[in-house]
Amino acid sequence: MSFKQKASSAWSELKQKIQDKENQKRVKVEVEKRLRQGREAIERLEKELKDPENQARVANKLREVEAKVAKAKTEFLKRKKQAMAYTQKSPEKALVVAAAAGALAGALWVAISKKK
């Protein structure tokens, strides 16, 4: 049987299944069931989102995260100032450290690239 014949046969079977009243009823019932489940899930989520306890918990977590970000930002700025001061105080050492870090990064890159 050629591809064209197989495709034609499959198309005919599909058309018959679509036109079958019993199959249409099963599909309709299944679609309605899935829609109902979707609506129920959305209602549960809306209820959870509107729950004052959950809103308070989310607000607390948000405040905690904001505090951690602020602390990390302060620490970063402190370390940045230290690095700048060290670089200005001893530029030769800073240049050697930066060159060594660059060489190490390059060596690692080459080693990793060769493994692939």
PDB file of N, CA and C in Angstrom:
ATOM      1  N   MET A   1       0.844  -1.170   0.000  1.00  0.00           N
ATOM      2  CA  MET A   1       0.000   0.000   0.000  1.00  0.00           C
ATOM      3  C   MET A   1       0.896   1.242   0.000  1.00  0.00           C
ATOM      4  N   SER A   2       0.630   2.168  -0.893  1.00  0.00           N
ATOM      5  CA  SER A   2       1.462   3.359  -1.008  1.00  0.00           C
ATOM      6  C   SER A   2       1.111   4.362   0.089  1.00  0.00           C
ATOM      7  N   PHE A   3       1.967   5.353   0.220  1.00  0.00           N
ATOM      8  CA  PHE A   3       1.769   6.397   1.234  1.00  0.00           C
ATOM      9  C   PHE A   3       0.459   7.133   0.989  1.00  0.00           C
ATOM     10  N   LYS A   4       0.178   7.426  -0.269  1.00  0.00           N
ATOM     11  CA  LYS A   4      -1.042   8.162  -0.619  1.00  0.00           C
ATOM     12  C   LYS A   4      -2.279   7.356  -0.221  1.00  0.00           C
ATOM     13  N   GLN A   5      -2.244   6.059  -0.448  1.00  0.00           N
ATOM     14  CA  GLN A   5      -3.374   5.209  -0.095  1.00  0.00           C
ATOM     15  C   GLN A   5      -3.541   5.132   1.426  1.00  0.00           C
ATOM     16  N   LYS A   6      -2.408   5.019   2.133  1.00  0.00           N
ATOM     17  CA  LYS A   6      -2.460   4.966   3.597  1.00  0.00           C
ATOM     18  C   LYS A   6      -3.031   6.262   4.154  1.00  0.00           C
ATOM     19  N   ALA A   7      -2.572   7.381   3.612  1.00  0.00           N
ATOM     20  CA  ALA A   7      -3.053   8.682   4.067  1.00  0.00           C
ATOM     21  C   ALA A   7      -4.536   8.830   3.786  1.00  0.00           C
ATOM     22  N   SER A   8      -4.969   8.409   2.620  1.00  0.00           N
ATOM     23  CA  SER A   8      -6.379   8.486   2.251  1.00  0.00           C
ATOM     24  C   SER A   8      -7.220   7.607   3.173  1.00  0.00           C
ATOM     25  N   SER A   9      -6.737   6.423   3.465  1.00  0.00           N
ATOM     26  CA  SER A   9      -7.438   5.515   4.363  1.00  0.00           C
ATOM     27  C   SER A   9      -7.535   6.102   5.773  1.00  0.00           C
ATOM     28  N   ALA A  10      -6.424   6.650   6.253  1.00  0.00           N
ATOM     29  CA  ALA A  10      -6.413   7.259   7.588  1.00  0.00           C
ATOM     30  C   ALA A  10      -7.366   8.446   7.643  1.00  0.00           C
ATOM     31  N   TRP A  11      -7.392   9.236   6.586  1.00  0.00           N
ATOM     32  CA  TRP A  11      -8.282  10.400   6.516  1.00  0.00           C
ATOM     33  C   TRP A  11      -9.742   9.946   6.542  1.00  0.00           C
ATOM     34  N   SER A  12     -10.059   8.903   5.820  1.00  0.00           N
ATOM     35  CA  SER A  12     -11.426   8.373   5.796  1.00  0.00           C
ATOM     36  C   SER A  12     -11.844   7.882   7.180  1.00  0.00           C
ATOM     37  N   GLU A  13     -10.956   7.170   7.857  1.00  0.00           N
ATOM     38  CA  GLU A  13     -11.248   6.693   9.205  1.00  0.00           C
ATOM     39  C   GLU A  13     -11.477   7.860  10.158  1.00  0.00           C
ATOM     40  N   LEU A  14     -10.660   8.879  10.033  1.00  0.00           N
ATOM     41  CA  LEU A  14     -10.787  10.050  10.893  1.00  0.00           C
ATOM     42  C   LEU A  14     -12.120  10.759  10.650  1.00  0.00           C
ATOM     43  N   LYS A  15     -12.500  10.888   9.401  1.00  0.00           N
ATOM     44  CA  LYS A  15     -13.779  11.526   9.075  1.00  0.00           C
ATOM     45  C   LYS A  15     -14.940  10.722   9.662  1.00  0.00           C
ATOM     46  N   GLN A  16     -14.849   9.403   9.593  1.00  0.00           N
ATOM     47  CA  GLN A  16     -15.901   8.559  10.151  1.00  0.00           C
ATOM     48  C   GLN A  16     -15.991   8.731  11.666  1.00  0.00           C
ATOM     49  N   LYS A  17     -14.834   8.802  12.326  1.00  0.00           N
ATOM     50  CA  LYS A  17     -14.828   8.978  13.775  1.00  0.00           C
ATOM     51  C   LYS A  17     -15.418  10.326  14.159  1.00  0.00           C
ATOM     52  N   ILE A  18     -15.109  11.353  13.379  1.00  0.00           N
ATOM     53  CA  ILE A  18     -15.633  12.690  13.657  1.00  0.00           C
ATOM     54  C   ILE A  18     -17.145  12.719  13.480  1.00  0.00           C
ATOM     55  N   GLN A  19     -17.655  12.024  12.493  1.00  0.00           N
ATOM     56  CA  GLN A  19     -19.087  12.041  12.190  1.00  0.00           C
ATOM     57  C   GLN A  19     -19.881  11.089  13.099  1.00  0.00           C
ATOM     58  N   ASP A  20     -19.210  10.185  13.786  1.00  0.00           N
ATOM     59  CA  ASP A  20     -19.875   9.228  14.673  1.00  0.00           C
ATOM     60  C   ASP A  20     -20.493   9.967  15.867  1.00  0.00           C
ATOM     61  N   LYS A  21     -21.803   9.856  16.036  1.00  0.00           N
ATOM     62  CA  LYS A  21     -22.523  10.579  17.085  1.00  0.00           C
ATOM     63  C   LYS A  21     -22.067  10.153  18.483  1.00  0.00           C
ATOM     64  N   GLU A  22     -21.848   8.866  18.657  1.00  0.00           N
ATOM     65  CA  GLU A  22     -21.415   8.357  19.959  1.00  0.00           C
ATOM     66  C   GLU A  22     -20.038   8.928  20.326  1.00  0.00           C
ATOM     67  N   ASN A  23     -19.153   8.986  19.354  1.00  0.00           N
ATOM     68  CA  ASN A  23     -17.824   9.542  19.570  1.00  0.00           C
ATOM     69  C   ASN A  23     -17.922  11.038  19.898  1.00  0.00           C
ATOM     70  N   GLN A  24     -18.810  11.738  19.209  1.00  0.00           N
ATOM     71  CA  GLN A  24     -19.007  13.163  19.475  1.00  0.00           C
ATOM     72  C   GLN A  24     -19.481  13.378  20.911  1.00  0.00           C
ATOM     73  N   LYS A  25     -20.381  12.515  21.379  1.00  0.00           N
ATOM     74  CA  LYS A  25     -20.866  12.628  22.756  1.00  0.00           C
ATOM     75  C   LYS A  25     -19.732  12.397  23.756  1.00  0.00           C
ATOM     76  N   ARG A  26     -18.910  11.374  23.498  1.00  0.00           N
ATOM     77  CA  ARG A  26     -17.781  11.083  24.394  1.00  0.00           C
ATOM     78  C   ARG A  26     -16.817  12.269  24.445  1.00  0.00           C
ATOM     79  N   VAL A  27     -16.526  12.831  23.290  1.00  0.00           N
ATOM     80  CA  VAL A  27     -15.611  13.970  23.236  1.00  0.00           C
ATOM     81  C   VAL A  27     -16.211  15.165  23.972  1.00  0.00           C
ATOM     82  N   LYS A  28     -17.493  15.416  23.764  1.00  0.00           N
ATOM     83  CA  LYS A  28     -18.164  16.532  24.421  1.00  0.00           C
ATOM     84  C   LYS A  28     -18.128  16.368  25.940  1.00  0.00           C
ATOM     85  N   VAL A  29     -18.416  15.152  26.411  1.00  0.00           N
ATOM     86  CA  VAL A  29     -18.383  14.879  27.847  1.00  0.00           C
ATOM     87  C   VAL A  29     -16.970  15.094  28.394  1.00  0.00           C
ATOM     88  N   GLU A  30     -15.985  14.609  27.672  1.00  0.00           N
ATOM     89  CA  GLU A  30     -14.593  14.747  28.118  1.00  0.00           C
ATOM     90  C   GLU A  30     -14.171  16.217  28.152  1.00  0.00           C
ATOM     91  N   VAL A  31     -14.556  16.982  27.134  1.00  0.00           N
ATOM     92  CA  VAL A  31     -14.213  18.402  27.088  1.00  0.00           C
ATOM     93  C   VAL A  31     -14.875  19.140  28.249  1.00  0.00           C
ATOM     94  N   GLU A  32     -16.156  18.847  28.488  1.00  0.00           N
ATOM     95  CA  GLU A  32     -16.865  19.486  29.598  1.00  0.00           C
ATOM     96  C   GLU A  32     -16.232  19.129  30.936  1.00  0.00           C
ATOM     97  N   LYS A  33     -15.813  17.871  31.069  1.00  0.00           N
ATOM     98  CA  LYS A  33     -15.152  17.427  32.298  1.00  0.00           C
ATOM     99  C   LYS A  33     -13.853  18.201  32.514  1.00  0.00           C
ATOM    100  N   ARG A  34     -13.055  18.320  31.465  1.00  0.00           N
ATOM    101  CA  ARG A  34     -11.778  19.043  31.584  1.00  0.00           C
ATOM    102  C   ARG A  34     -11.993  20.531  31.866  1.00  0.00           C
ATOM    103  N   LEU A  35     -13.004  21.113  31.239  1.00  0.00           N
ATOM    104  CA  LEU A  35     -13.307  22.520  31.497  1.00  0.00           C
ATOM    105  C   LEU A  35     -13.734  22.726  32.949  1.00  0.00           C
ATOM    106  N   ARG A  36     -14.553  21.810  33.457  1.00  0.00           N
ATOM    107  CA  ARG A  36     -14.995  21.887  34.845  1.00  0.00           C
ATOM    108  C   ARG A  36     -13.796  21.774  35.798  1.00  0.00           C
ATOM    109  N   GLN A  37     -12.895  20.839  35.503  1.00  0.00           N
ATOM    110  CA  GLN A  37     -11.697  20.685  36.327  1.00  0.00           C
ATOM    111  C   GLN A  37     -10.845  21.957  36.286  1.00  0.00           C
ATOM    112  N   GLY A  38     -10.738  22.557  35.100  1.00  0.00           N
ATOM    113  CA  GLY A  38      -9.974  23.795  34.965  1.00  0.00           C
ATOM    114  C   GLY A  38     -10.592  24.924  35.760  1.00  0.00           C
ATOM    115  N   ARG A  39     -11.926  25.053  35.677  1.00  0.00           N
ATOM    116  CA  ARG A  39     -12.615  26.097  36.450  1.00  0.00           C
ATOM    117  C   ARG A  39     -12.412  25.886  37.946  1.00  0.00           C
ATOM    118  N   GLU A  40     -12.510  24.641  38.400  1.00  0.00           N
ATOM    119  CA  GLU A  40     -12.313  24.335  39.820  1.00  0.00           C
ATOM    120  C   GLU A  40     -10.897  24.681  40.259  1.00  0.00           C
ATOM    121  N   ALA A  41      -9.920  24.379  39.423  1.00  0.00           N
ATOM    122  CA  ALA A  41      -8.527  24.699  39.758  1.00  0.00           C
ATOM    123  C   ALA A  41      -8.336  26.212  39.838  1.00  0.00           C
ATOM    124  N   ILE A  42      -8.921  26.941  38.911  1.00  0.00           N
ATOM    125  CA  ILE A  42      -8.809  28.405  38.920  1.00  0.00           C
ATOM    126  C   ILE A  42      -9.475  28.963  40.171  1.00  0.00           C
ATOM    127  N   GLU A  43     -10.648  28.433  40.523  1.00  0.00           N
ATOM    128  CA  GLU A  43     -11.339  28.897  41.735  1.00  0.00           C
ATOM    129  C   GLU A  43     -10.500  28.631  42.977  1.00  0.00           C
ATOM    130  N   ARG A  44      -9.852  27.448  43.044  1.00  0.00           N
ATOM    131  CA  ARG A  44      -8.979  27.138  44.200  1.00  0.00           C
ATOM    132  C   ARG A  44      -7.827  28.130  44.278  1.00  0.00           C
ATOM    133  N   LEU A  45      -7.209  28.411  43.123  1.00  0.00           N
ATOM    134  CA  LEU A  45      -6.094  29.358  43.111  1.00  0.00           C
ATOM    135  C   LEU A  45      -6.539  30.757  43.516  1.00  0.00           C
ATOM    136  N   GLU A  46      -7.691  31.191  43.007  1.00  0.00           N
ATOM    137  CA  GLU A  46      -8.202  32.509  43.377  1.00  0.00           C
ATOM    138  C   GLU A  46      -8.458  32.573  44.877  1.00  0.00           C
ATOM    139  N   LYS A  47      -9.020  31.506  45.425  1.00  0.00           N
ATOM    140  CA  LYS A  47      -9.296  31.458  46.861  1.00  0.00           C
ATOM    141  C   LYS A  47      -7.988  31.551  47.655  1.00  0.00           C
ATOM    142  N   GLU A  48      -6.969  30.814  47.220  1.00  0.00           N
ATOM    143  CA  GLU A  48      -5.678  30.854  47.898  1.00  0.00           C
ATOM    144  C   GLU A  48      -5.040  32.234  47.791  1.00  0.00           C
ATOM    145  N   LEU A  49      -5.156  32.863  46.624  1.00  0.00           N
ATOM    146  CA  LEU A  49      -4.565  34.184  46.439  1.00  0.00           C
ATOM    147  C   LEU A  49      -5.277  35.248  47.264  1.00  0.00           C
ATOM    148  N   LYS A  50      -6.573  35.093  47.436  1.00  0.00           N
ATOM    149  CA  LYS A  50      -7.346  36.080  48.194  1.00  0.00           C
ATOM    150  C   LYS A  50      -7.269  35.846  49.704  1.00  0.00           C
ATOM    151  N   ASP A  51      -6.755  34.709  50.118  1.00  0.00           N
ATOM    152  CA  ASP A  51      -6.666  34.376  51.533  1.00  0.00           C
ATOM    153  C   ASP A  51      -5.732  35.355  52.239  1.00  0.00           C
ATOM    154  N   PRO A  52      -6.212  36.070  53.257  1.00  0.00           N
ATOM    155  CA  PRO A  52      -5.370  37.061  53.947  1.00  0.00           C
ATOM    156  C   PRO A  52      -4.113  36.448  54.565  1.00  0.00           C
ATOM    157  N   GLU A  53      -4.226  35.219  55.035  1.00  0.00           N
ATOM    158  CA  GLU A  53      -3.062  34.558  55.633  1.00  0.00           C
ATOM    159  C   GLU A  53      -1.957  34.355  54.598  1.00  0.00           C
ATOM    160  N   ASN A  54      -2.336  33.902  53.402  1.00  0.00           N
ATOM    161  CA  ASN A  54      -1.349  33.717  52.335  1.00  0.00           C
ATOM    162  C   ASN A  54      -0.770  35.053  51.889  1.00  0.00           C
ATOM    163  N   GLN A  55      -1.619  36.077  51.797  1.00  0.00           N
ATOM    164  CA  GLN A  55      -1.125  37.401  51.411  1.00  0.00           C
ATOM    165  C   GLN A  55      -0.132  37.916  52.435  1.00  0.00           C
ATOM    166  N   ALA A  56      -0.408  37.704  53.721  1.00  0.00           N
ATOM    167  CA  ALA A  56       0.513  38.142  54.774  1.00  0.00           C
ATOM    168  C   ALA A  56       1.834  37.377  54.686  1.00  0.00           C
ATOM    169  N   ARG A  57       1.748  36.079  54.416  1.00  0.00           N
ATOM    170  CA  ARG A  57       2.962  35.262  54.298  1.00  0.00           C
ATOM    171  C   ARG A  57       3.823  35.735  53.120  1.00  0.00           C
ATOM    172  N   VAL A  58       3.184  36.026  51.993  1.00  0.00           N
ATOM    173  CA  VAL A  58       3.914  36.510  50.817  1.00  0.00           C
ATOM    174  C   VAL A  58       4.542  37.870  51.106  1.00  0.00           C
ATOM    175  N   ALA A  59       3.782  38.732  51.788  1.00  0.00           N
ATOM    176  CA  ALA A  59       4.318  40.055  52.134  1.00  0.00           C
ATOM    177  C   ALA A  59       5.527  39.928  53.051  1.00  0.00           C
ATOM    178  N   ASN A  60       5.471  39.004  54.020  1.00  0.00           N
ATOM    179  CA  ASN A  60       6.623  38.789  54.912  1.00  0.00           C
ATOM    180  C   ASN A  60       7.836  38.299  54.141  1.00  0.00           C
ATOM    181  N   LYS A  61       7.619  37.337  53.250  1.00  0.00           N
ATOM    182  CA  LYS A  61       8.729  36.812  52.443  1.00  0.00           C
ATOM    183  C   LYS A  61       9.327  37.918  51.582  1.00  0.00           C
ATOM    184  N   LEU A  62       8.463  38.758  51.024  1.00  0.00           N
ATOM    185  CA  LEU A  62       8.942  39.862  50.197  1.00  0.00           C
ATOM    186  C   LEU A  62       9.796  40.824  51.016  1.00  0.00           C
ATOM    187  N   ARG A  63       9.359  41.136  52.226  1.00  0.00           N
ATOM    188  CA  ARG A  63      10.157  42.013  53.101  1.00  0.00           C
ATOM    189  C   ARG A  63      11.505  41.368  53.435  1.00  0.00           C
ATOM    190  N   GLU A  64      11.481  40.052  53.698  1.00  0.00           N
ATOM    191  CA  GLU A  64      12.733  39.346  54.010  1.00  0.00           C
ATOM    192  C   GLU A  64      13.693  39.408  52.823  1.00  0.00           C
ATOM    193  N   VAL A  65      13.169  39.172  51.634  1.00  0.00           N
ATOM    194  CA  VAL A  65      14.005  39.200  50.436  1.00  0.00           C
ATOM    195  C   VAL A  65      14.553  40.603  50.206  1.00  0.00           C
ATOM    196  N   GLU A  66      13.724  41.613  50.385  1.00  0.00           N
ATOM    197  CA  GLU A  66      14.186  42.990  50.205  1.00  0.00           C
ATOM    198  C   GLU A  66      15.295  43.317  51.199  1.00  0.00           C
ATOM    199  N   ALA A  67      15.167  42.844  52.448  1.00  0.00           N
ATOM    200  CA  ALA A  67      16.202  43.078  53.454  1.00  0.00           C
ATOM    201  C   ALA A  67      17.501  42.365  53.060  1.00  0.00           C
ATOM    202  N   LYS A  68      17.390  41.133  52.566  1.00  0.00           N
ATOM    203  CA  LYS A  68      18.582  40.396  52.147  1.00  0.00           C
ATOM    204  C   LYS A  68      19.262  41.068  50.964  1.00  0.00           C
ATOM    205  N   VAL A  69      18.467  41.571  50.026  1.00  0.00           N
ATOM    206  CA  VAL A  69      19.037  42.265  48.866  1.00  0.00           C
ATOM    207  C   VAL A  69      19.751  43.537  49.316  1.00  0.00           C
ATOM    208  N   ALA A  70      19.128  44.267  50.218  1.00  0.00           N
ATOM    209  CA  ALA A  70      19.754  45.498  50.719  1.00  0.00           C
ATOM    210  C   ALA A  70      21.060  45.174  51.438  1.00  0.00           C
ATOM    211  N   LYS A  71      21.062  44.115  52.235  1.00  0.00           N
ATOM    212  CA  LYS A  71      22.285  43.708  52.951  1.00  0.00           C
ATOM    213  C   LYS A  71      23.377  43.293  51.965  1.00  0.00           C
ATOM    214  N   ALA A  72      22.998  42.518  50.943  1.00  0.00           N
ATOM    215  CA  ALA A  72      23.965  42.082  49.938  1.00  0.00           C
ATOM    216  C   ALA A  72      24.521  43.276  49.166  1.00  0.00           C
ATOM    217  N   LYS A  73      23.662  44.230  48.868  1.00  0.00           N
ATOM    218  CA  LYS A  73      24.105  45.431  48.145  1.00  0.00           C
ATOM    219  C   LYS A  73      25.098  46.229  48.995  1.00  0.00           C
ATOM    220  N   THR A  74      24.800  46.369  50.276  1.00  0.00           N
ATOM    221  CA  THR A  74      25.714  47.081  51.180  1.00  0.00           C
ATOM    222  C   THR A  74      27.053  46.363  51.252  1.00  0.00           C
ATOM    223  N   GLU A  75      27.006  45.044  51.382  1.00  0.00           N
ATOM    224  CA  GLU A  75      28.247  44.250  51.452  1.00  0.00           C
ATOM    225  C   GLU A  75      29.047  44.375  50.160  1.00  0.00           C
ATOM    226  N   PHE A  76      28.351  44.342  49.025  1.00  0.00           N
ATOM    227  CA  PHE A  76      29.019  44.482  47.737  1.00  0.00           C
ATOM    228  C   PHE A  76      29.723  45.835  47.634  1.00  0.00           C
ATOM    229  N   LEU A  77      29.018  46.894  48.008  1.00  0.00           N
ATOM    230  CA  LEU A  77      29.617  48.231  47.930  1.00  0.00           C
ATOM    231  C   LEU A  77      30.830  48.355  48.859  1.00  0.00           C
ATOM    232  N   LYS A  78      30.730  47.731  50.034  1.00  0.00           N
ATOM    233  CA  LYS A  78      31.850  47.742  50.980  1.00  0.00           C
ATOM    234  C   LYS A  78      33.067  47.034  50.366  1.00  0.00           C
ATOM    235  N   ARG A  79      32.828  45.849  49.793  1.00  0.00           N
ATOM    236  CA  ARG A  79      33.924  45.084  49.172  1.00  0.00           C
ATOM    237  C   ARG A  79      34.487  45.823  47.952  1.00  0.00           C
ATOM    238  N   LYS A  80      33.637  46.492  47.226  1.00  0.00           N
ATOM    239  CA  LYS A  80      34.088  47.250  46.057  1.00  0.00           C
ATOM    240  C   LYS A  80      35.018  48.383  46.485  1.00  0.00           C
ATOM    241  N   LYS A  81      34.626  49.079  47.559  1.00  0.00           N
ATOM    242  CA  LYS A  81      35.481  50.161  48.066  1.00  0.00           C
ATOM    243  C   LYS A  81      36.827  49.616  48.529  1.00  0.00           C
ATOM    244  N   GLN A  82      36.800  48.460  49.198  1.00  0.00           N
ATOM    245  CA  GLN A  82      38.053  47.847  49.659  1.00  0.00           C
ATOM    246  C   GLN A  82      38.950  47.488  48.474  1.00  0.00           C
ATOM    247  N   ALA A  83      38.345  46.916  47.438  1.00  0.00           N
ATOM    248  CA  ALA A  83      39.119  46.538  46.261  1.00  0.00           C
ATOM    249  C   ALA A  83      39.697  47.769  45.576  1.00  0.00           C
ATOM    250  N   MET A  84      38.911  48.819  45.475  1.00  0.00           N
ATOM    251  CA  MET A  84      39.394  50.060  44.848  1.00  0.00           C
ATOM    252  C   MET A  84      40.536  50.657  45.663  1.00  0.00           C
ATOM    253  N   ALA A  85      40.399  50.668  46.989  1.00  0.00           N
ATOM    254  CA  ALA A  85      41.446  51.223  47.848  1.00  0.00           C
ATOM    255  C   ALA A  85      42.732  50.416  47.710  1.00  0.00           C
ATOM    256  N   TYR A  86      42.614  49.086  47.686  1.00  0.00           N
ATOM    257  CA  TYR A  86      43.793  48.240  47.548  1.00  0.00           C
ATOM    258  C   TYR A  86      44.461  48.471  46.197  1.00  0.00           C
ATOM    259  N   THR A  87      43.651  48.581  45.152  1.00  0.00           N
ATOM    260  CA  THR A  87      44.187  48.798  43.818  1.00  0.00           C
ATOM    261  C   THR A  87      44.926  50.123  43.728  1.00  0.00           C
ATOM    262  N   GLN A  88      44.390  51.150  44.358  1.00  0.00           N
ATOM    263  CA  GLN A  88      45.047  52.462  44.333  1.00  0.00           C
ATOM    264  C   GLN A  88      46.300  52.464  45.195  1.00  0.00           C
ATOM    265  N   LYS A  89      46.284  51.697  46.290  1.00  0.00           N
ATOM    266  CA  LYS A  89      47.436  51.662  47.194  1.00  0.00           C
ATOM    267  C   LYS A  89      48.594  50.869  46.593  1.00  0.00           C
ATOM    268  N   SER A  90      48.312  49.785  45.946  1.00  0.00           N
ATOM    269  CA  SER A  90      49.375  48.971  45.351  1.00  0.00           C
ATOM    270  C   SER A  90      48.932  48.478  43.981  1.00  0.00           C
ATOM    271  N   PRO A  91      49.060  49.331  42.968  1.00  0.00           N
ATOM    272  CA  PRO A  91      48.581  48.971  41.633  1.00  0.00           C
ATOM    273  C   PRO A  91      49.349  47.812  40.996  1.00  0.00           C
ATOM    274  N   GLU A  92      50.645  47.674  41.313  1.00  0.00           N
ATOM    275  CA  GLU A  92      51.432  46.593  40.716  1.00  0.00           C
ATOM    276  C   GLU A  92      50.901  45.231  41.150  1.00  0.00           C
ATOM    277  N   LYS A  93      50.651  45.085  42.449  1.00  0.00           N
ATOM    278  CA  LYS A  93      50.137  43.818  42.962  1.00  0.00           C
ATOM    279  C   LYS A  93      48.748  43.529  42.376  1.00  0.00           C
ATOM    280  N   ALA A  94      47.922  44.566  42.308  1.00  0.00           N
ATOM    281  CA  ALA A  94      46.575  44.381  41.763  1.00  0.00           C
ATOM    282  C   ALA A  94      46.642  43.933  40.313  1.00  0.00           C
ATOM    283  N   LEU A  95      47.583  44.505  39.561  1.00  0.00           N
ATOM    284  CA  LEU A  95      47.738  44.131  38.162  1.00  0.00           C
ATOM    285  C   LEU A  95      48.207  42.684  38.033  1.00  0.00           C
ATOM    286  N   VAL A  96      49.133  42.274  38.897  1.00  0.00           N
ATOM    287  CA  VAL A  96      49.623  40.894  38.873  1.00  0.00           C
ATOM    288  C   VAL A  96      48.486  39.925  39.235  1.00  0.00           C
ATOM    289  N   VAL A  97      47.708  40.267  40.253  1.00  0.00           N
ATOM    290  CA  VAL A  97      46.593  39.399  40.659  1.00  0.00           C
ATOM    291  C   VAL A  97      45.565  39.293  39.528  1.00  0.00           C
ATOM    292  N   ALA A  98      45.249  40.410  38.896  1.00  0.00           N
ATOM    293  CA  ALA A  98      44.278  40.404  37.795  1.00  0.00           C
ATOM    294  C   ALA A  98      44.804  39.574  36.618  1.00  0.00           C
ATOM    295  N   ALA A  99      46.089  39.711  36.301  1.00  0.00           N
ATOM    296  CA  ALA A  99      46.675  38.946  35.211  1.00  0.00           C
ATOM    297  C   ALA A  99      46.659  37.450  35.528  1.00  0.00           C
ATOM    298  N   ALA A 100      46.985  37.102  36.773  1.00  0.00           N
ATOM    299  CA  ALA A 100      46.975  35.697  37.183  1.00  0.00           C
ATOM    300  C   ALA A 100      45.555  35.133  37.105  1.00  0.00           C
ATOM    301  N   ALA A 101      44.590  35.904  37.548  1.00  0.00           N
ATOM    302  CA  ALA A 101      43.194  35.445  37.488  1.00  0.00           C
ATOM    303  C   ALA A 101      42.764  35.259  36.035  1.00  0.00           C
ATOM    304  N   GLY A 102      43.163  36.177  35.168  1.00  0.00           N
ATOM    305  CA  GLY A 102      42.839  36.054  33.754  1.00  0.00           C
ATOM    306  C   GLY A 102      43.496  34.836  33.126  1.00  0.00           C
ATOM    307  N   ALA A 103      44.757  34.596  33.470  1.00  0.00           N
ATOM    308  CA  ALA A 103      45.461  33.428  32.937  1.00  0.00           C
ATOM    309  C   ALA A 103      44.810  32.135  33.414  1.00  0.00           C
ATOM    310  N   LEU A 104      44.439  32.102  34.684  1.00  0.00           N
ATOM    311  CA  LEU A 104      43.771  30.921  35.230  1.00  0.00           C
ATOM    312  C   LEU A 104      42.429  30.694  34.534  1.00  0.00           C
ATOM    313  N   ALA A 105      41.676  31.757  34.356  1.00  0.00           N
ATOM    314  CA  ALA A 105      40.374  31.635  33.679  1.00  0.00           C
ATOM    315  C   ALA A 105      40.569  31.143  32.245  1.00  0.00           C
ATOM    316  N   GLY A 106      41.578  31.668  31.563  1.00  0.00           N
ATOM    317  CA  GLY A 106      41.862  31.237  30.193  1.00  0.00           C
ATOM    318  C   GLY A 106      42.273  29.774  30.135  1.00  0.00           C
ATOM    319  N   ALA A 107      43.110  29.350  31.082  1.00  0.00           N
ATOM    320  CA  ALA A 107      43.544  27.957  31.117  1.00  0.00           C
ATOM    321  C   ALA A 107      42.365  27.021  31.372  1.00  0.00           C
ATOM    322  N   LEU A 108      41.493  27.422  32.287  1.00  0.00           N
ATOM    323  CA  LEU A 108      40.307  26.611  32.561  1.00  0.00           C
ATOM    324  C   LEU A 108      39.406  26.539  31.329  1.00  0.00           C
ATOM    325  N   TRP A 109      39.259  27.663  30.646  1.00  0.00           N
ATOM    326  CA  TRP A 109      38.427  27.703  29.441  1.00  0.00           C
ATOM    327  C   TRP A 109      38.968  26.751  28.374  1.00  0.00           C
ATOM    328  N   VAL A 110      40.273  26.779  28.174  1.00  0.00           N
ATOM    329  CA  VAL A 110      40.890  25.907  27.179  1.00  0.00           C
ATOM    330  C   VAL A 110      40.724  24.445  27.587  1.00  0.00           C
ATOM    331  N   ALA A 111      40.918  24.151  28.879  1.00  0.00           N
ATOM    332  CA  ALA A 111      40.794  22.776  29.345  1.00  0.00           C
ATOM    333  C   ALA A 111      39.371  22.260  29.177  1.00  0.00           C
ATOM    334  N   ILE A 112      38.419  23.086  29.484  1.00  0.00           N
ATOM    335  CA  ILE A 112      37.012  22.685  29.362  1.00  0.00           C
ATOM    336  C   ILE A 112      36.635  22.550  27.885  1.00  0.00           C
ATOM    337  N   SER A 113      37.099  23.460  27.040  1.00  0.00           N
ATOM    338  CA  SER A 113      36.770  23.424  25.614  1.00  0.00           C
ATOM    339  C   SER A 113      37.330  22.175  24.943  1.00  0.00           C
ATOM    340  N   LYS A 114      38.501  21.740  25.343  1.00  0.00           N
ATOM    341  CA  LYS A 114      39.115  20.562  24.718  1.00  0.00           C
ATOM    342  C   LYS A 114      38.376  19.272  25.077  1.00  0.00           C
ATOM    343  N   LYS A 115      37.739  19.230  26.260  1.00  0.00           N
ATOM    344  CA  LYS A 115      37.034  18.022  26.683  1.00  0.00           C
ATOM    345  C   LYS A 115      35.789  17.781  25.841  1.00  0.00           C
ATOM    346  N   LYS A 116      35.194  18.818  25.337  1.00  0.00           N
ATOM    347  CA  LYS A 116      33.975  18.680  24.536  1.00  0.00           C
ATOM    348  C   LYS A 116      34.371  18.176  23.204  1.00  0.00           C
TER     349      LYS A 116
END
